[in-house]
C-alpha atoms as a PDB file:
ATOM      1  CA  ASP A   1       0.000   0.000   0.000  1.00  0.00           C
ATOM      2  CA  GLU A   2       1.863   3.072  -1.276  1.00  0.00           C
ATOM      3  CA  THR A   3       0.832   6.109   0.747  1.00  0.00           C
ATOM      4  CA  SER A   4       2.463   9.221   2.075  1.00  0.00           C
ATOM      5  CA  GLY A   5       2.196   7.690   5.549  1.00  0.00           C
ATOM      6  CA  HIS A   6       5.009   5.206   4.866  1.00  0.00           C
ATOM      7  CA  LEU A   7       8.156   7.228   5.502  1.00  0.00           C
ATOM      8  CA  LEU A   8      10.664   4.616   6.709  1.00  0.00           C
ATOM      9  CA  LYS A   9      12.244   4.508   3.252  1.00  0.00           C
ATOM     10  CA  HIS A  10      12.614   8.318   3.218  1.00  0.00           C
ATOM     11  CA  HIS A  11      14.079   9.052   6.685  1.00  0.00           C
ATOM     12  CA  LEU A  12      17.871   9.308   7.026  1.00  0.00           C
ATOM     13  CA  ALA A  13      17.811   6.991  10.038  1.00  0.00           C
ATOM     14  CA  THR A  14      15.935   4.177   8.296  1.00  0.00           C
ATOM     15  CA  TRP A  15      16.295   4.452   4.503  1.00  0.00           C
ATOM     16  CA  LYS A  16      18.947   1.702   4.332  1.00  0.00           C
ATOM     17  CA  GLU A  17      17.017  -0.788   6.466  1.00  0.00           C
ATOM     18  CA  GLU A  18      15.824  -4.048   4.942  1.00  0.00           C
ATOM     19  CA  GLY A  19      12.116  -4.415   4.291  1.00  0.00           C
ATOM     20  CA  ASP A  20       9.385  -2.675   2.375  1.00  0.00           C
ATOM     21  CA  GLY A  21       9.785   0.758   3.997  1.00  0.00           C
ATOM     22  CA  MET A  22       6.231   0.693   5.282  1.00  0.00           C
ATOM     23  CA  GLY A  23       5.432   2.661   8.428  1.00  0.00           C
ATOM     24  CA  LEU A  24       6.940   5.641  10.183  1.00  0.00           C
ATOM     25  CA  PRO A  25      10.306   6.088  11.887  1.00  0.00           C
ATOM     26  CA  ASP A  26      10.287   6.613  15.650  1.00  0.00           C
ATOM     27  CA  GLU A  27      11.301  10.261  15.331  1.00  0.00           C
ATOM     28  CA  GLY A  28      11.323  10.798  19.084  1.00  0.00           C
ATOM     29  CA  LYS A  29      14.047   8.152  19.314  1.00  0.00           C
ATOM     30  CA  VAL A  30      16.147   8.784  16.180  1.00  0.00           C
ATOM     31  CA  ASN A  31      16.038  12.596  16.003  1.00  0.00           C
ATOM     32  CA  THR A  32      18.441  13.650  18.755  1.00  0.00           C
ATOM     33  CA  VAL A  33      20.043  16.865  17.420  1.00  0.00           C
ATOM     34  CA  THR A  34      18.461  20.216  18.312  1.00  0.00           C
ATOM     35  CA  SER A  35      17.496  21.993  15.095  1.00  0.00           C
ATOM     36  CA  PRO A  36      19.185  25.318  14.287  1.00  0.00           C
ATOM     37  CA  LEU A  37      15.641  26.744  14.031  1.00  0.00           C
ATOM     38  CA  ALA A  38      14.916  25.685  17.615  1.00  0.00           C
ATOM     39  CA  LYS A  39      18.134  27.329  18.771  1.00  0.00           C
ATOM     40  CA  ALA A  40      17.364  30.587  16.944  1.00  0.00           C
ATOM     41  CA  TRP A  41      13.625  30.688  17.751  1.00  0.00           C
ATOM     42  CA  PRO A  42      13.018  28.533  20.853  1.00  0.00           C
ATOM     43  CA  ASP A  43       9.455  29.837  21.312  1.00  0.00           C
ATOM     44  CA  MET A  44       8.396  28.847  17.782  1.00  0.00           C
ATOM     45  CA  LEU A  45       5.743  26.127  17.443  1.00  0.00           C
ATOM     46  CA  PHE A  46       7.430  22.855  16.434  1.00  0.00           C
ATOM     47  CA  LYS A  47       5.954  19.520  15.392  1.00  0.00           C
ATOM     48  CA  ASN A  48       5.539  16.947  18.143  1.00  0.00           C
ATOM     49  CA  PRO A  49       7.285  13.756  16.864  1.00  0.00           C
ATOM     50  CA  ASP A  50       4.249  11.632  17.816  1.00  0.00           C
ATOM     51  CA  GLU A  51       1.716  13.919  16.134  1.00  0.00           C
ATOM     52  CA  LEU A  52      -0.282  12.423  13.242  1.00  0.00           C
ATOM     53  CA  VAL A  53      -3.275  13.464  11.177  1.00  0.00           C
ATOM     54  CA  ALA A  54      -6.467  11.539  11.871  1.00  0.00           C
ATOM     55  CA  GLY A  55      -8.539  11.417   8.693  1.00  0.00           C
ATOM     56  CA  HIS A  56      -8.404  14.137   6.093  1.00  0.00           C
ATOM     57  CA  ILE A  57      -7.401  17.710   6.847  1.00  0.00           C
ATOM     58  CA  ILE A  58      -8.720  19.013   3.523  1.00  0.00           C
ATOM     59  CA  LEU A  59     -12.494  18.836   3.216  1.00  0.00           C
ATOM     60  CA  ASN A  60     -14.258  19.747  -0.032  1.00  0.00           C
ATOM     61  CA  ASP A  61     -10.900  19.898  -1.781  1.00  0.00           C
ATOM     62  CA  SER A  62     -11.248  22.012  -4.935  1.00  0.00           C
ATOM     63  CA  LYS A  63      -7.887  20.696  -6.198  1.00  0.00           C
ATOM     64  CA  ALA A  64      -8.349  16.980  -5.430  1.00  0.00           C
ATOM     65  CA  ALA A  65      -7.893  16.064  -9.096  1.00  0.00           C
ATOM     66  CA  LEU A  66      -4.445  17.712  -9.066  1.00  0.00           C
ATOM     67  CA  ARG A  67      -3.170  15.799  -6.041  1.00  0.00           C
ATOM     68  CA  PRO A  68      -1.344  12.446  -6.281  1.00  0.00           C
ATOM     69  CA  ASN A  69      -3.530   9.400  -5.580  1.00  0.00           C
ATOM     70  CA  HIS A  70      -1.281   8.189  -2.765  1.00  0.00           C
ATOM     71  CA  LEU A  71      -2.492  11.116  -0.619  1.00  0.00           C
ATOM     72  CA  LYS A  72      -6.116   9.902  -0.656  1.00  0.00           C
ATOM     73  CA  PRO A  73      -5.787   7.603   2.410  1.00  0.00           C
ATOM     74  CA  GLY A  74      -4.466  10.498   4.512  1.00  0.00           C
ATOM     75  CA  CYS A  75      -1.089  11.963   5.375  1.00  0.00           C
ATOM     76  CA  VAL A  76       1.425  12.672   8.096  1.00  0.00           C
ATOM     77  CA  ARG A  77       1.591  16.185   9.535  1.00  0.00           C
ATOM     78  CA  ALA A  78       4.583  18.247   8.489  1.00  0.00           C
ATOM     79  CA  ASN A  79       6.164  21.238  10.190  1.00  0.00           C
ATOM     80  CA  ALA A  80       9.547  22.313  11.502  1.00  0.00           C
ATOM     81  CA  CYS A  81      10.879  19.888  14.110  1.00  0.00           C
ATOM     82  CA  ARG A  82      12.649  20.803  17.338  1.00  0.00           C
ATOM     83  CA  LYS A  83      14.859  17.712  17.036  1.00  0.00           C
ATOM     84  CA  ILE A  84      16.382  16.494  13.760  1.00  0.00           C
ATOM     85  CA  PHE A  85      18.403  13.412  12.810  1.00  0.00           C
ATOM     86  CA  TRP A  86      21.685  15.044  11.742  1.00  0.00           C
ATOM     87  CA  ASP A  87      23.706  18.133  12.536  1.00  0.00           C
ATOM     88  CA  PRO A  88      23.673  20.402   9.441  1.00  0.00           C
ATOM     89  CA  LYS A  89      27.179  21.635  10.323  1.00  0.00           C
ATOM     90  CA  GLU A  90      28.620  18.122   9.873  1.00  0.00           C
END
């Protein structure tokens, strides 16, 4: 089942792992580096690593025909993260 909710094959911590890449990485566990954004703007609203979208966030989508089919089952929430997997300076 190819959906945008299967991100194991796209995360730096898990992209080389064996398997089909289905599911989500445990971002709370693998993202251990404080983001430069969090250092510069500590009061900014950041994504909680356990936060997911339940159902659809776009109702009565006027552009549904333009969106890829793999988004139909739903999606994962995206935003800046307080913790990231790698240090950009390295």
